[in-house]
Amino acid sequence: MKNQTNCRTLFRQRIPHAGWTRSGQSLVEFALILPVLLLFMLGVMEFGRILFVYTEVSGAAREALRAATATIHRGNDADRGKVTTAECTEILTRVYGTLVLTPRTQVTITVEYVRPSPGSSTTIVGVCSSDSAQSQLPTQVLVLNDQVYVEVQSQVSAATPLIRPFVSNLPLRFAGMRSVVPISGIAMPKP
């Protein structure tokens, strides 16, 4: 019996009790899981940033469309319905004002004034663009049923080098169209 007691006490001394700390094992587990956890966190942050840029460019297209239809109604009676250089600049300035994370150099804004022709064809009356080589302001007065077509393009890439191989350059393109209703084309209630 005495021999069994000695074996039991020796065996119990080698087995750690539940209250003992295993700092070496915890450190190894932490070292194994840390790179996976950091990569996951970087992926979540990168996805959030790309989603923010996506929403930002979408909002810029919406603002460009709203600004393009709203600026036509300004000016005196002689300029009413015409798109001037100042109005084109105002449209671009208002769009650039909505951008926070996206650099202006990565965004291309094109506003086309389109006149529907009989049948399915259309005629481009004028273009207001962030690329000055493409801008040709309309010389004609815009009339009822003319349309404003807006296209905003950008590219977004990953900011962190670990994510870049997976997300190199994502093209973003948003477009919209509205009919132009000059003030003279709106039916006003009789006083």
C-alpha atoms as a PDB file:
ATOM      1  CA  MET A   1       0.000   0.000   0.000  1.00  0.00           C
ATOM      2  CA  LYS A   2       2.748   2.341   0.796  1.00  0.00           C
ATOM      3  CA  ASN A   3       4.152   1.877  -2.703  1.00  0.00           C
ATOM      4  CA  GLN A   4       0.848   2.874  -4.286  1.00  0.00           C
ATOM      5  CA  THR A   5       0.633   6.052  -2.243  1.00  0.00           C
ATOM      6  CA  ASN A   6       4.028   7.212  -3.383  1.00  0.00           C
ATOM      7  CA  CYS A   7       3.111   6.609  -7.055  1.00  0.00           C
ATOM      8  CA  ARG A   8      -0.106   8.561  -6.671  1.00  0.00           C
ATOM      9  CA  THR A   9       1.575  11.535  -5.076  1.00  0.00           C
ATOM     10  CA  LEU A  10       4.258  11.576  -7.771  1.00  0.00           C
ATOM     11  CA  PHE A  11       1.614  11.311 -10.508  1.00  0.00           C
ATOM     12  CA  ARG A  12      -0.451  14.135  -8.998  1.00  0.00           C
ATOM     13  CA  GLN A  13       2.561  16.408  -8.815  1.00  0.00           C
ATOM     14  CA  ARG A  14       3.219  16.075 -12.543  1.00  0.00           C
ATOM     15  CA  ILE A  15      -0.369  16.730 -13.653  1.00  0.00           C
ATOM     16  CA  PRO A  16      -1.219  20.431 -13.434  1.00  0.00           C
ATOM     17  CA  HIS A  17      -4.250  21.315 -11.396  1.00  0.00           C
ATOM     18  CA  ALA A  18      -7.168  23.234 -12.894  1.00  0.00           C
ATOM     19  CA  GLY A  19      -6.088  26.428 -11.167  1.00  0.00           C
ATOM     20  CA  TRP A  20      -2.555  26.480 -12.605  1.00  0.00           C
ATOM     21  CA  THR A  21      -1.814  28.885 -15.453  1.00  0.00           C
ATOM     22  CA  ARG A  22      -0.480  27.679 -18.778  1.00  0.00           C
ATOM     23  CA  SER A  23       1.163  30.822 -20.032  1.00  0.00           C
ATOM     24  CA  GLY A  24       3.284  29.064 -22.583  1.00  0.00           C
ATOM     25  CA  GLN A  25       0.325  27.362 -24.236  1.00  0.00           C
ATOM     26  CA  SER A  26      -1.729  30.568 -24.297  1.00  0.00           C
ATOM     27  CA  LEU A  27       1.147  32.456 -25.854  1.00  0.00           C
ATOM     28  CA  VAL A  28       1.531  29.888 -28.627  1.00  0.00           C
ATOM     29  CA  GLU A  29      -2.241  29.893 -29.325  1.00  0.00           C
ATOM     30  CA  PHE A  30      -2.248  33.693 -29.427  1.00  0.00           C
ATOM     31  CA  ALA A  31       0.730  33.731 -31.805  1.00  0.00           C
ATOM     32  CA  LEU A  32      -1.072  31.307 -34.131  1.00  0.00           C
ATOM     33  CA  ILE A  33      -4.408  33.132 -34.174  1.00  0.00           C
ATOM     34  CA  LEU A  34      -3.083  36.752 -34.269  1.00  0.00           C
ATOM     35  CA  PRO A  35      -2.196  36.870 -38.021  1.00  0.00           C
ATOM     36  CA  VAL A  36      -5.591  35.415 -38.955  1.00  0.00           C
ATOM     37  CA  LEU A  37      -7.381  37.875 -36.679  1.00  0.00           C
ATOM     38  CA  LEU A  38      -5.403  40.864 -38.043  1.00  0.00           C
ATOM     39  CA  LEU A  39      -6.056  39.828 -41.652  1.00  0.00           C
ATOM     40  CA  PHE A  40      -9.765  39.525 -40.891  1.00  0.00           C
ATOM     41  CA  MET A  41      -9.838  42.950 -39.220  1.00  0.00           C
ATOM     42  CA  LEU A  42      -7.961  44.550 -42.144  1.00  0.00           C
ATOM     43  CA  GLY A  43     -10.429  42.934 -44.545  1.00  0.00           C
ATOM     44  CA  VAL A  44     -13.409  44.308 -42.623  1.00  0.00           C
ATOM     45  CA  MET A  45     -11.914  47.817 -42.499  1.00  0.00           C
ATOM     46  CA  GLU A  46     -11.016  47.704 -46.205  1.00  0.00           C
ATOM     47  CA  PHE A  47     -14.500  46.509 -47.123  1.00  0.00           C
ATOM     48  CA  GLY A  48     -15.979  49.371 -45.086  1.00  0.00           C
ATOM     49  CA  ARG A  49     -13.760  51.917 -46.838  1.00  0.00           C
ATOM     50  CA  ILE A  50     -14.614  50.562 -50.302  1.00  0.00           C
ATOM     51  CA  LEU A  51     -18.317  50.586 -49.425  1.00  0.00           C
ATOM     52  CA  PHE A  52     -17.987  54.198 -48.247  1.00  0.00           C
ATOM     53  CA  VAL A  53     -16.304  55.228 -51.525  1.00  0.00           C
ATOM     54  CA  TYR A  54     -19.017  53.359 -53.471  1.00  0.00           C
ATOM     55  CA  THR A  55     -21.733  55.252 -51.591  1.00  0.00           C
ATOM     56  CA  GLU A  56     -19.838  58.518 -51.966  1.00  0.00           C
ATOM     57  CA  VAL A  57     -19.525  58.225 -55.757  1.00  0.00           C
ATOM     58  CA  SER A  58     -23.186  57.193 -55.998  1.00  0.00           C
ATOM     59  CA  GLY A  59     -24.156  60.295 -54.021  1.00  0.00           C
ATOM     60  CA  ALA A  60     -21.940  62.413 -56.270  1.00  0.00           C
ATOM     61  CA  ALA A  61     -23.838  61.163 -59.327  1.00  0.00           C
ATOM     62  CA  ARG A  62     -27.147  61.979 -57.665  1.00  0.00           C
ATOM     63  CA  GLU A  63     -25.920  65.474 -56.750  1.00  0.00           C
ATOM     64  CA  ALA A  64     -24.631  66.041 -60.289  1.00  0.00           C
ATOM     65  CA  LEU A  65     -28.004  65.104 -61.743  1.00  0.00           C
ATOM     66  CA  ARG A  66     -29.872  67.331 -59.309  1.00  0.00           C
ATOM     67  CA  ALA A  67     -27.483  70.233 -59.851  1.00  0.00           C
ATOM     68  CA  ALA A  68     -27.622  69.852 -63.641  1.00  0.00           C
ATOM     69  CA  THR A  69     -31.400  70.130 -63.691  1.00  0.00           C
ATOM     70  CA  ALA A  70     -31.554  72.904 -61.077  1.00  0.00           C
ATOM     71  CA  THR A  71     -28.979  75.291 -62.549  1.00  0.00           C
ATOM     72  CA  ILE A  72     -30.839  75.607 -65.856  1.00  0.00           C
ATOM     73  CA  HIS A  73     -33.532  77.739 -64.245  1.00  0.00           C
ATOM     74  CA  ARG A  74     -31.212  80.459 -62.978  1.00  0.00           C
ATOM     75  CA  GLY A  75     -30.210  83.690 -64.574  1.00  0.00           C
ATOM     76  CA  ASN A  76     -32.164  86.473 -66.167  1.00  0.00           C
ATOM     77  CA  ASP A  77     -34.848  85.958 -68.805  1.00  0.00           C
ATOM     78  CA  ALA A  78     -32.349  86.186 -71.682  1.00  0.00           C
ATOM     79  CA  ASP A  79     -30.224  83.345 -70.261  1.00  0.00           C
ATOM     80  CA  ARG A  80     -33.080  81.200 -69.004  1.00  0.00           C
ATOM     81  CA  GLY A  81     -32.768  77.662 -70.364  1.00  0.00           C
ATOM     82  CA  LYS A  82     -29.140  78.099 -71.395  1.00  0.00           C
ATOM     83  CA  VAL A  83     -26.215  76.361 -69.751  1.00  0.00           C
ATOM     84  CA  THR A  84     -23.326  78.744 -69.186  1.00  0.00           C
ATOM     85  CA  THR A  85     -19.719  78.120 -68.177  1.00  0.00           C
ATOM     86  CA  ALA A  86     -20.482  79.373 -64.674  1.00  0.00           C
ATOM     87  CA  GLU A  87     -23.302  76.858 -64.311  1.00  0.00           C
ATOM     88  CA  CYS A  88     -21.080  74.036 -65.566  1.00  0.00           C
ATOM     89  CA  THR A  89     -18.428  75.022 -63.026  1.00  0.00           C
ATOM     90  CA  GLU A  90     -21.068  75.177 -60.299  1.00  0.00           C
ATOM     91  CA  ILE A  91     -22.266  71.645 -61.130  1.00  0.00           C
ATOM     92  CA  LEU A  92     -18.715  70.289 -60.905  1.00  0.00           C
ATOM     93  CA  THR A  93     -17.975  72.220 -57.698  1.00  0.00           C
ATOM     94  CA  ARG A  94     -21.114  70.894 -56.016  1.00  0.00           C
ATOM     95  CA  VAL A  95     -20.224  67.335 -56.999  1.00  0.00           C
ATOM     96  CA  TYR A  96     -16.649  67.647 -55.791  1.00  0.00           C
ATOM     97  CA  GLY A  97     -17.990  69.061 -52.533  1.00  0.00           C
ATOM     98  CA  THR A  98     -19.680  65.724 -51.779  1.00  0.00           C
ATOM     99  CA  LEU A  99     -16.454  63.730 -52.088  1.00  0.00           C
ATOM    100  CA  VAL A 100     -14.524  63.040 -48.893  1.00  0.00           C
ATOM    101  CA  LEU A 101     -12.312  59.964 -49.396  1.00  0.00           C
ATOM    102  CA  THR A 102     -12.217  59.914 -53.181  1.00  0.00           C
ATOM    103  CA  PRO A 103      -9.583  62.213 -54.734  1.00  0.00           C
ATOM    104  CA  ARG A 104     -10.867  64.580 -57.432  1.00  0.00           C
ATOM    105  CA  THR A 105      -8.283  63.273 -59.862  1.00  0.00           C
ATOM    106  CA  GLN A 106      -9.871  59.812 -59.740  1.00  0.00           C
ATOM    107  CA  VAL A 107     -13.389  61.018 -60.575  1.00  0.00           C
ATOM    108  CA  THR A 108     -14.677  61.780 -64.069  1.00  0.00           C
ATOM    109  CA  ILE A 109     -17.974  63.661 -64.336  1.00  0.00           C
ATOM    110  CA  THR A 110     -19.850  63.996 -67.608  1.00  0.00           C
ATOM    111  CA  VAL A 111     -23.145  65.843 -67.989  1.00  0.00           C
ATOM    112  CA  GLU A 112     -24.788  65.518 -71.403  1.00  0.00           C
ATOM    113  CA  TYR A 113     -27.789  67.517 -72.507  1.00  0.00           C
ATOM    114  CA  VAL A 114     -29.783  65.331 -74.887  1.00  0.00           C
ATOM    115  CA  ARG A 115     -32.683  66.187 -77.188  1.00  0.00           C
ATOM    116  CA  PRO A 116     -34.876  63.243 -78.208  1.00  0.00           C
ATOM    117  CA  SER A 117     -35.484  63.037 -81.952  1.00  0.00           C
ATOM    118  CA  PRO A 118     -38.434  61.377 -83.639  1.00  0.00           C
ATOM    119  CA  GLY A 119     -37.978  57.624 -83.498  1.00  0.00           C
ATOM    120  CA  SER A 120     -35.422  56.139 -81.143  1.00  0.00           C
ATOM    121  CA  SER A 121     -32.489  58.445 -81.915  1.00  0.00           C
ATOM    122  CA  THR A 122     -31.252  61.303 -79.768  1.00  0.00           C
ATOM    123  CA  THR A 123     -29.115  64.361 -80.419  1.00  0.00           C
ATOM    124  CA  ILE A 124     -26.521  65.552 -77.922  1.00  0.00           C
ATOM    125  CA  VAL A 125     -27.101  69.270 -77.519  1.00  0.00           C
ATOM    126  CA  GLY A 126     -24.107  69.914 -75.258  1.00  0.00           C
ATOM    127  CA  VAL A 127     -21.665  68.423 -72.774  1.00  0.00           C
ATOM    128  CA  CYS A 128     -20.361  69.702 -69.445  1.00  0.00           C
ATOM    129  CA  SER A 129     -17.447  67.573 -68.254  1.00  0.00           C
ATOM    130  CA  SER A 130     -14.681  67.523 -65.678  1.00  0.00           C
ATOM    131  CA  ASP A 131     -12.381  66.916 -68.652  1.00  0.00           C
ATOM    132  CA  SER A 132     -12.252  70.342 -70.292  1.00  0.00           C
ATOM    133  CA  ALA A 133     -11.365  68.800 -73.685  1.00  0.00           C
ATOM    134  CA  GLN A 134     -14.771  67.085 -73.782  1.00  0.00           C
ATOM    135  CA  SER A 135     -16.868  70.079 -72.682  1.00  0.00           C
ATOM    136  CA  GLN A 136     -19.046  71.683 -75.335  1.00  0.00           C
ATOM    137  CA  LEU A 137     -21.750  73.762 -73.733  1.00  0.00           C
ATOM    138  CA  PRO A 138     -25.122  73.827 -75.475  1.00  0.00           C
ATOM    139  CA  THR A 139     -25.630  76.804 -77.731  1.00  0.00           C
ATOM    140  CA  GLN A 140     -29.377  76.180 -77.989  1.00  0.00           C
ATOM    141  CA  VAL A 141     -31.967  76.910 -75.349  1.00  0.00           C
ATOM    142  CA  LEU A 142     -33.100  73.743 -73.601  1.00  0.00           C
ATOM    143  CA  VAL A 143     -36.784  73.055 -74.117  1.00  0.00           C
ATOM    144  CA  LEU A 144     -39.454  70.819 -72.639  1.00  0.00           C
ATOM    145  CA  ASN A 145     -38.630  67.073 -72.879  1.00  0.00           C
ATOM    146  CA  ASP A 146     -34.887  67.646 -73.290  1.00  0.00           C
ATOM    147  CA  GLN A 147     -32.967  65.325 -71.005  1.00  0.00           C
ATOM    148  CA  VAL A 148     -29.931  65.539 -68.767  1.00  0.00           C
ATOM    149  CA  TYR A 149     -27.716  62.444 -68.698  1.00  0.00           C
ATOM    150  CA  VAL A 150     -25.091  62.283 -65.952  1.00  0.00           C
ATOM    151  CA  GLU A 151     -22.267  59.770 -65.663  1.00  0.00           C
ATOM    152  CA  VAL A 152     -19.778  59.655 -62.797  1.00  0.00           C
ATOM    153  CA  GLN A 153     -16.852  57.244 -63.013  1.00  0.00           C
ATOM    154  CA  SER A 154     -14.139  56.403 -60.527  1.00  0.00           C
ATOM    155  CA  GLN A 155     -11.848  53.592 -59.463  1.00  0.00           C
ATOM    156  CA  VAL A 156     -11.210  52.336 -55.979  1.00  0.00           C
ATOM    157  CA  SER A 157      -8.303  50.189 -54.884  1.00  0.00           C
ATOM    158  CA  ALA A 158      -7.299  48.692 -51.574  1.00  0.00           C
ATOM    159  CA  ALA A 159      -5.346  50.909 -49.214  1.00  0.00           C
ATOM    160  CA  THR A 160      -3.596  48.077 -47.390  1.00  0.00           C
ATOM    161  CA  PRO A 161      -0.887  46.121 -49.241  1.00  0.00           C
ATOM    162  CA  LEU A 162      -2.150  42.766 -47.932  1.00  0.00           C
ATOM    163  CA  ILE A 163      -5.558  43.244 -49.580  1.00  0.00           C
ATOM    164  CA  ARG A 164      -4.295  44.715 -52.898  1.00  0.00           C
ATOM    165  CA  PRO A 165      -3.763  41.336 -54.606  1.00  0.00           C
ATOM    166  CA  PHE A 166      -7.455  40.568 -54.050  1.00  0.00           C
ATOM    167  CA  VAL A 167      -8.873  44.026 -54.816  1.00  0.00           C
ATOM    168  CA  SER A 168      -6.690  45.795 -57.363  1.00  0.00           C
ATOM    169  CA  ASN A 169      -8.830  48.394 -59.195  1.00  0.00           C
ATOM    170  CA  LEU A 170     -12.583  48.219 -58.907  1.00  0.00           C
ATOM    171  CA  PRO A 171     -14.264  50.437 -61.495  1.00  0.00           C
ATOM    172  CA  LEU A 172     -17.266  52.403 -60.263  1.00  0.00           C
ATOM    173  CA  ARG A 173     -19.738  53.866 -62.756  1.00  0.00           C
ATOM    174  CA  PHE A 174     -23.006  55.560 -61.943  1.00  0.00           C
ATOM    175  CA  ALA A 175     -25.350  57.071 -64.489  1.00  0.00           C
ATOM    176  CA  GLY A 176     -28.749  58.730 -64.379  1.00  0.00           C
ATOM    177  CA  MET A 177     -31.117  60.664 -66.582  1.00  0.00           C
ATOM    178  CA  ARG A 178     -33.830  63.242 -65.929  1.00  0.00           C
ATOM    179  CA  SER A 179     -36.095  65.254 -68.132  1.00  0.00           C
ATOM    180  CA  VAL A 180     -35.576  68.988 -68.222  1.00  0.00           C
ATOM    181  CA  VAL A 181     -38.677  70.950 -67.396  1.00  0.00           C
ATOM    182  CA  PRO A 182     -37.981  74.638 -67.925  1.00  0.00           C
ATOM    183  CA  ILE A 183     -39.891  77.049 -65.737  1.00  0.00           C
ATOM    184  CA  SER A 184     -41.969  78.066 -68.749  1.00  0.00           C
ATOM    185  CA  GLY A 185     -42.975  74.385 -69.120  1.00  0.00           C
ATOM    186  CA  ILE A 186     -44.356  74.031 -65.582  1.00  0.00           C
ATOM    187  CA  ALA A 187     -48.092  74.575 -65.314  1.00  0.00           C
ATOM    188  CA  MET A 188     -48.596  77.160 -62.609  1.00  0.00           C
ATOM    189  CA  PRO A 189     -51.899  77.417 -60.750  1.00  0.00           C
ATOM    190  CA  LYS A 190     -54.023  80.411 -61.615  1.00  0.00           C
ATOM    191  CA  PRO A 191     -54.205  83.064 -58.902  1.00  0.00           C
END
